Amino acid sequence: MARATDVQKAERLNLARTLLQEHDHLLDAAERLAGSCSISRHQAYRYLEHAKRLTAPVPVGDAKVAVLLKLSRSLVQRLRMSAASTGLTMSETVSRALVAALNRVEGPG
């Protein structure tokens, strides 16, 4: 079974938070969450336990999609070194660089 994306996790936590407010019994909330999200009841309990500690809804970000890019070897090497030195993934490093470049061209958006 594939792991949940960050967007799915945020959506499930927000739903779990809502279900905790709507249901008096944890079992009812777990069954509803499991059915709504096609996850096990055990996993639903994990989301509910996490949701109990939330003070506000979790922001849901944009879903990420794969994009094939062709970059020079030297640029890829620099990218790997930059990502390693900052502790970020290559994907996050590229995303941040693109956002910064686009903000310079288009303005913050």
Protein backbone atom coordinates (compact mmCIF):
# COMPACT_ATOMS: atom_id res chain seq x y z
CA MET A 1 0.00 0.00 0.00
CA ALA A 2 1.33 3.45 -0.92
CA ARG A 3 2.14 5.97 1.78
CA ALA A 4 -0.15 8.95 2.19
CA THR A 5 0.96 12.20 0.61
CA ASP A 6 1.37 15.33 2.72
CA VAL A 7 -1.88 16.66 1.27
CA GLN A 8 -3.72 13.43 2.20
CA LYS A 9 -2.27 13.54 5.73
CA ALA A 10 -3.39 17.14 6.21
CA GLU A 11 -6.87 16.38 4.88
CA ARG A 12 -7.18 13.29 7.11
CA LEU A 13 -6.03 15.19 10.19
CA ASN A 14 -8.55 17.95 9.51
CA LEU A 15 -11.31 15.37 9.04
CA ALA A 16 -10.22 13.59 12.22
CA ARG A 17 -10.36 16.89 14.11
CA THR A 18 -13.90 17.51 12.85
CA LEU A 19 -15.02 13.97 13.69
CA LEU A 20 -13.69 14.32 17.23
CA GLN A 21 -15.94 17.36 17.65
CA GLU A 22 -18.97 15.57 16.15
CA HIS A 23 -18.73 12.19 17.91
CA ASP A 24 -18.88 11.39 21.61
CA HIS A 25 -17.21 8.01 21.17
CA LEU A 26 -13.75 7.54 19.71
CA LEU A 27 -14.81 4.24 18.12
CA ASP A 28 -17.53 6.01 16.10
CA ALA A 29 -15.07 8.64 14.90
CA ALA A 30 -12.48 5.97 14.02
CA GLU A 31 -14.96 3.91 12.01
CA ARG A 32 -16.16 6.98 10.14
CA LEU A 33 -12.61 8.14 9.39
CA ALA A 34 -11.52 4.67 8.29
CA GLY A 35 -14.48 4.38 5.94
CA SER A 36 -14.14 7.90 4.53
CA CYS A 37 -10.42 7.59 3.84
CA SER A 38 -10.20 3.89 2.99
CA ILE A 39 -7.70 3.27 5.78
CA SER A 40 -7.57 0.73 8.59
CA ARG A 41 -9.28 1.47 11.88
CA HIS A 42 -5.86 1.25 13.53
CA GLN A 43 -4.54 4.00 11.23
CA ALA A 44 -7.69 6.03 11.86
CA TYR A 45 -6.97 5.91 15.60
CA ARG A 46 -3.48 7.27 14.92
CA TYR A 47 -4.91 10.22 13.02
CA LEU A 48 -7.46 10.82 15.77
CA GLU A 49 -4.78 10.75 18.48
CA HIS A 50 -2.73 13.26 16.51
CA ALA A 51 -5.81 15.40 15.85
CA LYS A 52 -6.55 15.59 19.60
CA ARG A 53 -3.39 17.65 20.01
CA LEU A 54 -4.24 20.12 17.23
CA THR A 55 -5.35 23.60 18.18
CA ALA A 56 -6.29 24.60 14.63
CA PRO A 57 -6.87 22.92 11.27
CA VAL A 58 -3.76 21.82 9.40
CA PRO A 59 -3.10 23.88 6.26
CA VAL A 60 -3.47 21.79 3.12
CA GLY A 61 -0.74 22.55 0.59
CA ASP A 62 -0.56 21.95 -3.10
CA ALA A 63 -0.21 18.36 -4.20
CA LYS A 64 3.18 17.67 -5.73
CA VAL A 65 3.54 16.23 -9.20
CA ALA A 66 6.57 14.70 -10.88
CA VAL A 67 8.22 16.71 -13.65
CA LEU A 68 11.00 15.44 -15.87
CA LEU A 69 13.75 18.01 -16.39
CA LYS A 70 17.01 17.69 -18.25
CA LEU A 71 19.81 19.54 -16.48
CA SER A 72 23.53 19.64 -17.09
CA ARG A 73 25.68 17.27 -15.03
CA SER A 74 27.46 20.17 -13.38
CA LEU A 75 24.16 21.78 -12.36
CA VAL A 76 22.90 18.49 -10.93
CA GLN A 77 26.14 18.12 -8.99
CA ARG A 78 25.73 21.65 -7.58
CA LEU A 79 22.12 20.86 -6.74
CA ARG A 80 23.11 17.69 -4.87
CA MET A 81 25.80 19.54 -2.94
CA SER A 82 23.42 22.37 -2.05
CA ALA A 83 20.70 19.99 -0.92
CA ALA A 84 23.16 17.98 1.18
CA SER A 85 24.63 21.07 2.83
CA THR A 86 21.22 22.47 3.78
CA GLY A 87 19.62 19.17 4.75
CA LEU A 88 16.83 19.72 2.22
CA THR A 89 15.79 17.32 -0.49
CA MET A 90 16.75 18.08 -4.07
CA SER A 91 13.07 18.60 -4.81
CA GLU A 92 12.69 21.19 -2.04
CA THR A 93 15.90 22.93 -3.11
CA VAL A 94 14.65 23.22 -6.71
CA SER A 95 11.18 24.33 -5.56
CA ARG A 96 12.62 27.12 -3.41
CA ALA A 97 14.96 28.27 -6.18
CA LEU A 98 12.12 28.34 -8.72
CA VAL A 99 9.80 30.25 -6.37
CA ALA A 100 12.54 32.83 -5.71
CA ALA A 101 13.27 33.19 -9.44
CA LEU A 102 9.60 33.48 -10.36
CA ASN A 103 8.99 36.04 -7.60
CA ARG A 104 11.79 38.19 -9.06
CA VAL A 105 10.24 37.99 -12.55
CA GLU A 106 6.52 38.07 -11.71
CA GLY A 107 6.40 39.48 -8.21
CA PRO A 108 5.15 37.51 -5.17
CA GLY A 109 2.11 35.52 -6.08
